Amino acid sequence: MTRRIRNFNAGPAALPLEVLEEMQAELLDYRGSGMSIL
């Protein structure tokens, strides 16, 4: 079982899983354009 880390401090923090999944999908096909952002 993997536990997600919660950070309530000021500054950089862990992103929500939904955001990470959306970023992963967009890396190789940005908004359906067929272009990668890498």
N, C-alpha and C. Protein backbone atom coordinates (compact mmCIF):
# COMPACT_ATOMS: atom_id res chain seq x y z
N MET A 1 0.85 -1.18 0.00
CA MET A 1 0.00 0.00 0.00
C MET A 1 0.89 1.24 0.00
N THR A 2 0.70 2.11 -0.99
CA THR A 2 1.47 3.34 -1.08
C THR A 2 0.71 4.47 -0.42
N ARG A 3 1.39 5.20 0.45
CA ARG A 3 0.75 6.33 1.12
C ARG A 3 1.23 7.62 0.50
N ARG A 4 0.32 8.56 0.24
CA ARG A 4 0.66 9.87 -0.29
C ARG A 4 1.10 10.77 0.87
N ILE A 5 2.17 11.53 0.64
CA ILE A 5 2.68 12.44 1.66
C ILE A 5 1.91 13.75 1.58
N ARG A 6 1.50 14.26 2.72
CA ARG A 6 0.81 15.55 2.81
C ARG A 6 1.78 16.59 3.36
N ASN A 7 1.83 17.76 2.76
CA ASN A 7 2.71 18.83 3.20
C ASN A 7 1.87 20.07 3.44
N PHE A 8 1.82 20.55 4.66
CA PHE A 8 1.04 21.74 5.01
C PHE A 8 1.92 22.94 5.30
N ASN A 9 3.20 22.84 4.96
CA ASN A 9 4.14 23.94 5.17
C ASN A 9 4.09 24.93 4.01
N ALA A 10 4.61 26.12 4.23
CA ALA A 10 4.74 27.09 3.15
C ALA A 10 5.81 26.60 2.18
N GLY A 11 5.64 26.92 0.91
CA GLY A 11 6.64 26.55 -0.09
C GLY A 11 6.19 25.36 -0.92
N PRO A 12 7.13 24.76 -1.66
CA PRO A 12 6.79 23.64 -2.55
C PRO A 12 6.13 22.50 -1.78
N ALA A 13 5.16 21.89 -2.40
CA ALA A 13 4.44 20.78 -1.77
C ALA A 13 4.12 19.72 -2.81
N ALA A 14 3.69 18.58 -2.35
CA ALA A 14 3.29 17.50 -3.24
C ALA A 14 2.02 17.90 -3.99
N LEU A 15 1.96 17.55 -5.27
CA LEU A 15 0.78 17.86 -6.08
C LEU A 15 -0.27 16.77 -5.88
N PRO A 16 -1.55 17.12 -6.01
CA PRO A 16 -2.61 16.10 -5.93
C PRO A 16 -2.45 15.06 -7.04
N LEU A 17 -2.85 13.84 -6.78
CA LEU A 17 -2.71 12.75 -7.74
C LEU A 17 -3.39 13.07 -9.06
N GLU A 18 -4.55 13.73 -9.04
CA GLU A 18 -5.26 14.08 -10.27
C GLU A 18 -4.41 14.99 -11.16
N VAL A 19 -3.70 15.93 -10.55
CA VAL A 19 -2.84 16.84 -11.31
C VAL A 19 -1.67 16.08 -11.92
N LEU A 20 -1.06 15.18 -11.16
CA LEU A 20 0.06 14.39 -11.67
C LEU A 20 -0.37 13.52 -12.85
N GLU A 21 -1.56 12.93 -12.75
CA GLU A 21 -2.06 12.08 -13.84
C GLU A 21 -2.33 12.90 -15.10
N GLU A 22 -2.89 14.11 -14.94
CA GLU A 22 -3.14 14.97 -16.09
C GLU A 22 -1.83 15.41 -16.73
N MET A 23 -0.85 15.76 -15.91
CA MET A 23 0.46 16.15 -16.44
C MET A 23 1.11 15.00 -17.21
N GLN A 24 0.99 13.80 -16.69
CA GLN A 24 1.56 12.63 -17.34
C GLN A 24 0.94 12.42 -18.72
N ALA A 25 -0.37 12.57 -18.81
CA ALA A 25 -1.06 12.38 -20.08
C ALA A 25 -0.69 13.47 -21.09
N GLU A 26 -0.45 14.69 -20.63
CA GLU A 26 -0.15 15.82 -21.51
C GLU A 26 1.30 15.86 -21.98
N LEU A 27 2.21 15.14 -21.33
CA LEU A 27 3.63 15.23 -21.67
C LEU A 27 3.93 14.88 -23.12
N LEU A 28 3.29 13.86 -23.64
CA LEU A 28 3.60 13.40 -24.99
C LEU A 28 2.61 13.85 -26.04
N ASP A 29 1.47 14.38 -25.64
CA ASP A 29 0.46 14.85 -26.61
C ASP A 29 -0.27 16.04 -25.99
N TYR A 30 0.34 17.22 -26.08
CA TYR A 30 -0.19 18.41 -25.42
C TYR A 30 -1.52 18.84 -26.04
N ARG A 31 -2.58 18.73 -25.26
CA ARG A 31 -3.93 19.13 -25.63
C ARG A 31 -4.37 18.60 -27.00
N GLY A 32 -3.95 17.38 -27.30
CA GLY A 32 -4.36 16.74 -28.54
C GLY A 32 -3.69 17.29 -29.78
N SER A 33 -2.63 18.09 -29.61
CA SER A 33 -1.95 18.71 -30.76
C SER A 33 -0.97 17.77 -31.44
N GLY A 34 -0.63 16.66 -30.78
CA GLY A 34 0.36 15.75 -31.34
C GLY A 34 1.78 16.16 -31.02
N MET A 35 1.95 17.27 -30.29
CA MET A 35 3.29 17.76 -29.95
C MET A 35 3.61 17.45 -28.49
N SER A 36 4.88 17.12 -28.25
CA SER A 36 5.35 16.85 -26.90
C SER A 36 5.89 18.12 -26.28
N ILE A 37 5.75 18.25 -24.96
CA ILE A 37 6.32 19.42 -24.29
C ILE A 37 7.70 19.10 -23.72
N LEU A 38 8.20 17.91 -24.01
CA LEU A 38 9.54 17.54 -23.54
C LEU A 38 10.58 17.98 -24.53
